[in-house]
Amino acid sequence: MNKPDPSHEEPQDFGDLENQLSRLIPAAPSAAAQRRIGRQLDQLEQHRRERRQMWWRFAPVAAAACLVLGGVAFLQQQMSRPQVAGDPAASSSLASDASSSQKVPAAVPEFSGSAMPISVGGNVATSPEFASPPPIVTGIPADHFLPVSSQEFIRDAKEGRVIELSDDLRAREIHVEYDNAWHWHDPDTQTNIRIYRPREETFLVPIETD
């Protein structure tokens, strides 16, 4: 007896399998599966609402940081104009005797302690506050010196690393470098004293993520 050639049967077998597979209909999800999917979708929507509300709560902190930077820039512009105490003759004497002025450099501090803390997600950021001028150490009595000007310049501002404050909250460090300058004048001896001191501030600004 002759055996059938397998090469002639394979195409027919695969054709039947394809026809059977095409007639298959996916089963509808059960009621329990539908309820489980609905609960997961509700939890996801609630989580999104909570995150949106969280960012609205931290929006005032970011706005306050922007206002502080804008206020520092405005004060820097206003204070860059020298203010001479006394009569107008004092200003002319300052200009004529500028060559006799003394510059007293101050040590560079590691970090200024004159910053106001801002709590951000359990961490503390700082906002700039004008540092008080250092005391004058000279052989001339302090009451002979008249304050001429007090200036603050923003030397550099750059972004730092991103910090994970919590599972759903991140913040970026903003480093700002300032230069403080104070000027005193003694009208009796025509002595000028200028003190320069740099300082740094670090802010934490929340970053919104999708």
C-alpha atoms as a PDB file:
ATOM      1  CA  MET A   1       0.000   0.000   0.000  1.00  0.00           C
ATOM      2  CA  ASN A   2       1.264   3.447  -0.918  1.00  0.00           C
ATOM      3  CA  LYS A   3       1.563   5.969   1.937  1.00  0.00           C
ATOM      4  CA  PRO A   4       0.252   9.518   1.311  1.00  0.00           C
ATOM      5  CA  ASP A   5       2.852  12.098   0.585  1.00  0.00           C
ATOM      6  CA  PRO A   6       3.178  14.420   3.662  1.00  0.00           C
ATOM      7  CA  SER A   7       4.063  17.358   1.419  1.00  0.00           C
ATOM      8  CA  HIS A   8       0.498  17.328   0.035  1.00  0.00           C
ATOM      9  CA  GLU A   9      -1.175  17.188   3.494  1.00  0.00           C
ATOM     10  CA  GLU A  10       0.687  20.022   5.293  1.00  0.00           C
ATOM     11  CA  PRO A  11      -0.883  22.923   3.325  1.00  0.00           C
ATOM     12  CA  GLN A  12      -4.376  21.550   3.985  1.00  0.00           C
ATOM     13  CA  ASP A  13      -3.669  21.081   7.727  1.00  0.00           C
ATOM     14  CA  PHE A  14      -2.337  24.634   8.114  1.00  0.00           C
ATOM     15  CA  GLY A  15      -5.288  25.983   6.126  1.00  0.00           C
ATOM     16  CA  ASP A  16      -7.740  24.285   8.505  1.00  0.00           C
ATOM     17  CA  LEU A  17      -5.853  25.660  11.515  1.00  0.00           C
ATOM     18  CA  GLU A  18      -5.990  29.186  10.107  1.00  0.00           C
ATOM     19  CA  ASN A  19      -9.721  28.896   9.493  1.00  0.00           C
ATOM     20  CA  GLN A  20     -10.304  27.670  13.037  1.00  0.00           C
ATOM     21  CA  LEU A  21      -8.234  30.488  14.527  1.00  0.00           C
ATOM     22  CA  SER A  22     -10.100  33.101  12.487  1.00  0.00           C
ATOM     23  CA  ARG A  23     -13.399  31.899  13.960  1.00  0.00           C
ATOM     24  CA  LEU A  24     -12.207  32.379  17.546  1.00  0.00           C
ATOM     25  CA  ILE A  25     -13.854  35.290  19.417  1.00  0.00           C
ATOM     26  CA  PRO A  26     -12.137  36.792  22.509  1.00  0.00           C
ATOM     27  CA  ALA A  27     -14.131  36.272  25.662  1.00  0.00           C
ATOM     28  CA  ALA A  28     -15.558  39.384  27.297  1.00  0.00           C
ATOM     29  CA  PRO A  29     -13.976  40.357  30.655  1.00  0.00           C
ATOM     30  CA  SER A  30     -15.827  39.120  33.671  1.00  0.00           C
ATOM     31  CA  ALA A  31     -17.751  41.439  35.972  1.00  0.00           C
ATOM     32  CA  ALA A  32     -15.049  41.102  38.648  1.00  0.00           C
ATOM     33  CA  ALA A  33     -12.345  42.088  36.165  1.00  0.00           C
ATOM     34  CA  GLN A  34     -14.365  45.107  35.053  1.00  0.00           C
ATOM     35  CA  ARG A  35     -14.843  46.239  38.669  1.00  0.00           C
ATOM     36  CA  ARG A  36     -11.134  45.814  39.364  1.00  0.00           C
ATOM     37  CA  ILE A  37     -10.202  47.889  36.302  1.00  0.00           C
ATOM     38  CA  GLY A  38     -12.714  50.565  37.336  1.00  0.00           C
ATOM     39  CA  ARG A  39     -11.221  50.786  40.846  1.00  0.00           C
ATOM     40  CA  GLN A  40      -7.712  51.134  39.440  1.00  0.00           C
ATOM     41  CA  LEU A  41      -8.838  53.920  37.095  1.00  0.00           C
ATOM     42  CA  ASP A  42     -10.526  55.731  40.005  1.00  0.00           C
ATOM     43  CA  GLN A  43      -7.369  55.464  42.109  1.00  0.00           C
ATOM     44  CA  LEU A  44      -5.269  56.803  39.232  1.00  0.00           C
ATOM     45  CA  GLU A  45      -7.577  59.799  38.778  1.00  0.00           C
ATOM     46  CA  GLN A  46      -7.557  60.520  42.516  1.00  0.00           C
ATOM     47  CA  HIS A  47      -3.744  60.344  42.564  1.00  0.00           C
ATOM     48  CA  ARG A  48      -3.565  62.842  39.699  1.00  0.00           C
ATOM     49  CA  ARG A  49      -5.884  65.253  41.527  1.00  0.00           C
ATOM     50  CA  GLU A  50      -3.791  65.002  44.701  1.00  0.00           C
ATOM     51  CA  ARG A  51      -0.585  65.741  42.792  1.00  0.00           C
ATOM     52  CA  ARG A  52      -2.233  68.709  41.069  1.00  0.00           C
ATOM     53  CA  GLN A  53      -3.370  70.083  44.436  1.00  0.00           C
ATOM     54  CA  MET A  54       0.117  69.540  45.863  1.00  0.00           C
ATOM     55  CA  TRP A  55       1.701  71.711  43.172  1.00  0.00           C
ATOM     56  CA  TRP A  56      -0.868  74.434  43.806  1.00  0.00           C
ATOM     57  CA  ARG A  57       0.133  74.404  47.475  1.00  0.00           C
ATOM     58  CA  PHE A  58       3.801  74.965  46.589  1.00  0.00           C
ATOM     59  CA  ALA A  59       3.058  77.626  43.986  1.00  0.00           C
ATOM     60  CA  PRO A  60       3.232  80.448  46.591  1.00  0.00           C
ATOM     61  CA  VAL A  61       6.731  79.302  47.583  1.00  0.00           C
ATOM     62  CA  ALA A  62       7.961  79.523  43.989  1.00  0.00           C
ATOM     63  CA  ALA A  63       6.247  82.896  43.579  1.00  0.00           C
ATOM     64  CA  ALA A  64       7.876  84.149  46.790  1.00  0.00           C
ATOM     65  CA  ALA A  65      11.313  83.106  45.524  1.00  0.00           C
ATOM     66  CA  CYS A  66      10.712  84.989  42.256  1.00  0.00           C
ATOM     67  CA  LEU A  67       9.561  88.065  44.179  1.00  0.00           C
ATOM     68  CA  VAL A  68      12.667  87.932  46.363  1.00  0.00           C
ATOM     69  CA  LEU A  69      14.955  87.807  43.323  1.00  0.00           C
ATOM     70  CA  GLY A  70      13.036  90.661  41.702  1.00  0.00           C
ATOM     71  CA  GLY A  71      13.216  92.696  44.909  1.00  0.00           C
ATOM     72  CA  VAL A  72      16.962  92.151  45.186  1.00  0.00           C
ATOM     73  CA  ALA A  73      17.456  93.318  41.598  1.00  0.00           C
ATOM     74  CA  PHE A  74      15.304  96.409  42.235  1.00  0.00           C
ATOM     75  CA  LEU A  75      17.134  97.271  45.455  1.00  0.00           C
ATOM     76  CA  GLN A  76      20.451  96.761  43.709  1.00  0.00           C
ATOM     77  CA  GLN A  77      19.455  99.291  41.064  1.00  0.00           C
ATOM     78  CA  GLN A  78      18.222 101.786  43.658  1.00  0.00           C
ATOM     79  CA  MET A  79      21.178 101.397  45.977  1.00  0.00           C
ATOM     80  CA  SER A  80      23.763 101.620  43.193  1.00  0.00           C
ATOM     81  CA  ARG A  81      23.351 105.412  43.403  1.00  0.00           C
ATOM     82  CA  PRO A  82      25.590 106.746  46.187  1.00  0.00           C
ATOM     83  CA  GLN A  83      23.667 108.477  48.960  1.00  0.00           C
ATOM     84  CA  VAL A  84      25.802 111.110  50.719  1.00  0.00           C
ATOM     85  CA  ALA A  85      24.766 112.169  54.209  1.00  0.00           C
ATOM     86  CA  GLY A  86      25.119 115.848  55.085  1.00  0.00           C
ATOM     87  CA  ASP A  87      25.355 118.899  52.866  1.00  0.00           C
ATOM     88  CA  PRO A  88      26.235 118.869  49.137  1.00  0.00           C
ATOM     89  CA  ALA A  89      29.780 119.979  49.907  1.00  0.00           C
ATOM     90  CA  ALA A  90      30.488 116.518  51.267  1.00  0.00           C
ATOM     91  CA  SER A  91      29.865 114.896  47.874  1.00  0.00           C
ATOM     92  CA  SER A  92      32.348 117.216  46.149  1.00  0.00           C
ATOM     93  CA  SER A  93      34.957 116.514  48.796  1.00  0.00           C
ATOM     94  CA  LEU A  94      34.461 112.783  48.276  1.00  0.00           C
ATOM     95  CA  ALA A  95      35.098 113.105  44.560  1.00  0.00           C
ATOM     96  CA  SER A  96      38.206 115.282  45.011  1.00  0.00           C
ATOM     97  CA  ASP A  97      39.749 113.038  47.654  1.00  0.00           C
ATOM     98  CA  ALA A  98      38.955 109.685  46.066  1.00  0.00           C
ATOM     99  CA  SER A  99      42.670 108.941  45.825  1.00  0.00           C
ATOM    100  CA  SER A 100      42.929 108.896  49.625  1.00  0.00           C
ATOM    101  CA  SER A 101      40.216 106.268  50.045  1.00  0.00           C
ATOM    102  CA  GLN A 102      41.042 102.997  51.750  1.00  0.00           C
ATOM    103  CA  LYS A 103      39.764  99.571  50.772  1.00  0.00           C
ATOM    104  CA  VAL A 104      39.495  97.016  53.547  1.00  0.00           C
ATOM    105  CA  PRO A 105      38.812  93.526  52.133  1.00  0.00           C
ATOM    106  CA  ALA A 106      36.916  91.138  54.331  1.00  0.00           C
ATOM    107  CA  ALA A 107      37.288  87.390  54.617  1.00  0.00           C
ATOM    108  CA  VAL A 108      35.124  85.267  52.348  1.00  0.00           C
ATOM    109  CA  PRO A 109      32.512  83.461  54.439  1.00  0.00           C
ATOM    110  CA  GLU A 110      31.635  79.865  53.680  1.00  0.00           C
ATOM    111  CA  PHE A 111      27.918  80.617  53.786  1.00  0.00           C
ATOM    112  CA  SER A 112      25.975  83.625  54.934  1.00  0.00           C
ATOM    113  CA  GLY A 113      23.835  83.067  57.974  1.00  0.00           C
ATOM    114  CA  SER A 114      21.604  86.062  57.247  1.00  0.00           C
ATOM    115  CA  ALA A 115      19.037  84.076  55.305  1.00  0.00           C
ATOM    116  CA  MET A 116      15.378  83.502  56.026  1.00  0.00           C
ATOM    117  CA  PRO A 117      14.409  79.765  55.983  1.00  0.00           C
ATOM    118  CA  ILE A 118      11.570  78.595  53.759  1.00  0.00           C
ATOM    119  CA  SER A 119      10.203  75.108  54.391  1.00  0.00           C
ATOM    120  CA  VAL A 120       9.724  73.130  51.159  1.00  0.00           C
ATOM    121  CA  GLY A 121       8.483  69.565  51.539  1.00  0.00           C
ATOM    122  CA  GLY A 122      10.329  69.048  54.834  1.00  0.00           C
ATOM    123  CA  ASN A 123      13.520  70.648  53.550  1.00  0.00           C
ATOM    124  CA  VAL A 124      14.688  74.188  54.176  1.00  0.00           C
ATOM    125  CA  ALA A 125      15.443  76.669  51.430  1.00  0.00           C
ATOM    126  CA  THR A 126      16.781  80.159  52.006  1.00  0.00           C
ATOM    127  CA  SER A 127      15.776  83.544  50.728  1.00  0.00           C
ATOM    128  CA  PRO A 128      18.240  86.465  50.628  1.00  0.00           C
ATOM    129  CA  GLU A 129      18.255  89.120  53.285  1.00  0.00           C
ATOM    130  CA  PHE A 130      20.610  92.098  53.373  1.00  0.00           C
ATOM    131  CA  ALA A 131      23.562  91.382  55.611  1.00  0.00           C
ATOM    132  CA  SER A 132      24.413  93.965  58.230  1.00  0.00           C
ATOM    133  CA  PRO A 133      27.678  95.841  57.614  1.00  0.00           C
ATOM    134  CA  PRO A 134      30.734  94.686  59.551  1.00  0.00           C
ATOM    135  CA  PRO A 135      32.084  96.968  62.278  1.00  0.00           C
ATOM    136  CA  ILE A 136      34.783  99.506  61.428  1.00  0.00           C
ATOM    137  CA  VAL A 137      38.109  98.805  63.132  1.00  0.00           C
ATOM    138  CA  THR A 138      40.308 101.917  62.920  1.00  0.00           C
ATOM    139  CA  GLY A 139      42.024 104.326  65.251  1.00  0.00           C
ATOM    140  CA  ILE A 140      39.408 107.007  64.516  1.00  0.00           C
ATOM    141  CA  PRO A 141      36.279 107.154  66.700  1.00  0.00           C
ATOM    142  CA  ALA A 142      33.304 105.502  65.024  1.00  0.00           C
ATOM    143  CA  ASP A 143      31.049 108.532  65.477  1.00  0.00           C
ATOM    144  CA  HIS A 144      33.277 110.526  63.102  1.00  0.00           C
ATOM    145  CA  PHE A 145      32.345 108.313  60.144  1.00  0.00           C
ATOM    146  CA  LEU A 146      29.212 109.007  58.135  1.00  0.00           C
ATOM    147  CA  PRO A 147      27.578 106.250  56.057  1.00  0.00           C
ATOM    148  CA  VAL A 148      27.747 107.076  52.359  1.00  0.00           C
ATOM    149  CA  SER A 149      26.298 104.025  50.592  1.00  0.00           C
ATOM    150  CA  SER A 150      25.377 100.388  51.039  1.00  0.00           C
ATOM    151  CA  GLN A 151      25.212  98.341  47.847  1.00  0.00           C
ATOM    152  CA  GLU A 152      24.511  94.753  46.905  1.00  0.00           C
ATOM    153  CA  PHE A 153      25.314  93.250  43.498  1.00  0.00           C
ATOM    154  CA  ILE A 154      24.263  89.896  42.065  1.00  0.00           C
ATOM    155  CA  ARG A 155      27.490  88.431  40.740  1.00  0.00           C
ATOM    156  CA  ASP A 156      26.225  85.075  39.486  1.00  0.00           C
ATOM    157  CA  ALA A 157      23.070  82.934  39.501  1.00  0.00           C
ATOM    158  CA  LYS A 158      23.019  79.367  38.224  1.00  0.00           C
ATOM    159  CA  GLU A 159      20.986  76.192  38.494  1.00  0.00           C
ATOM    160  CA  GLY A 160      22.180  73.291  40.595  1.00  0.00           C
ATOM    161  CA  ARG A 161      21.241  69.663  40.968  1.00  0.00           C
ATOM    162  CA  VAL A 162      17.735  68.241  41.296  1.00  0.00           C
ATOM    163  CA  ILE A 163      16.810  66.981  44.762  1.00  0.00           C
ATOM    164  CA  GLU A 164      14.185  64.321  45.487  1.00  0.00           C
ATOM    165  CA  LEU A 165      12.145  65.774  48.364  1.00  0.00           C
ATOM    166  CA  SER A 166       9.568  62.944  48.353  1.00  0.00           C
ATOM    167  CA  ASP A 167       8.172  60.266  46.064  1.00  0.00           C
ATOM    168  CA  ASP A 168       6.163  62.775  44.026  1.00  0.00           C
ATOM    169  CA  LEU A 169       8.074  66.021  44.617  1.00  0.00           C
ATOM    170  CA  ARG A 170      11.394  67.211  43.236  1.00  0.00           C
ATOM    171  CA  ALA A 171      13.139  70.569  43.559  1.00  0.00           C
ATOM    172  CA  ARG A 172      16.060  72.244  41.805  1.00  0.00           C
ATOM    173  CA  GLU A 173      18.810  74.117  43.628  1.00  0.00           C
ATOM    174  CA  ILE A 174      19.377  77.744  42.582  1.00  0.00           C
ATOM    175  CA  HIS A 175      22.745  79.182  43.659  1.00  0.00           C
ATOM    176  CA  VAL A 176      23.039  82.984  43.818  1.00  0.00           C
ATOM    177  CA  GLU A 177      26.296  84.849  44.587  1.00  0.00           C
ATOM    178  CA  TYR A 178      26.218  88.419  45.893  1.00  0.00           C
ATOM    179  CA  ASP A 179      28.769  91.146  46.555  1.00  0.00           C
ATOM    180  CA  ASN A 180      28.025  93.493  49.464  1.00  0.00           C
ATOM    181  CA  ALA A 181      29.803  96.869  49.602  1.00  0.00           C
ATOM    182  CA  TRP A 182      29.706  99.527  52.355  1.00  0.00           C
ATOM    183  CA  HIS A 183      31.216 103.015  52.218  1.00  0.00           C
ATOM    184  CA  TRP A 184      31.912 105.385  55.131  1.00  0.00           C
ATOM    185  CA  HIS A 185      33.436 108.873  55.079  1.00  0.00           C
ATOM    186  CA  ASP A 186      35.010 111.007  57.785  1.00  0.00           C
ATOM    187  CA  PRO A 187      34.520 114.687  56.822  1.00  0.00           C
ATOM    188  CA  ASP A 188      37.103 115.871  59.380  1.00  0.00           C
ATOM    189  CA  THR A 189      40.037 113.794  58.148  1.00  0.00           C
ATOM    190  CA  GLN A 190      38.686 113.206  54.607  1.00  0.00           C
ATOM    191  CA  THR A 191      39.105 109.469  55.168  1.00  0.00           C
ATOM    192  CA  ASN A 192      37.075 106.981  53.141  1.00  0.00           C
ATOM    193  CA  ILE A 193      36.597 103.370  54.137  1.00  0.00           C
ATOM    194  CA  ARG A 194      35.084 100.770  51.825  1.00  0.00           C
ATOM    195  CA  ILE A 195      34.425  97.190  52.831  1.00  0.00           C
ATOM    196  CA  TYR A 196      33.577  94.429  50.348  1.00  0.00           C
ATOM    197  CA  ARG A 197      32.194  91.054  51.346  1.00  0.00           C
ATOM    198  CA  PRO A 198      30.833  88.275  49.078  1.00  0.00           C
ATOM    199  CA  ARG A 199      28.110  85.902  50.164  1.00  0.00           C
ATOM    200  CA  GLU A 200      26.065  83.043  48.725  1.00  0.00           C
ATOM    201  CA  GLU A 201      22.445  81.949  48.945  1.00  0.00           C
ATOM    202  CA  THR A 202      20.776  78.689  47.882  1.00  0.00           C
ATOM    203  CA  PHE A 203      17.089  78.328  46.987  1.00  0.00           C
ATOM    204  CA  LEU A 204      14.955  75.229  46.426  1.00  0.00           C
ATOM    205  CA  VAL A 205      12.383  75.718  43.666  1.00  0.00           C
ATOM    206  CA  PRO A 206       9.814  72.895  43.195  1.00  0.00           C
ATOM    207  CA  ILE A 207       9.735  71.232  39.762  1.00  0.00           C
ATOM    208  CA  GLU A 208       6.370  70.156  38.377  1.00  0.00           C
ATOM    209  CA  THR A 209       6.341  66.747  36.706  1.00  0.00           C
ATOM    210  CA  ASP A 210       3.634  65.091  34.656  1.00  0.00           C
END
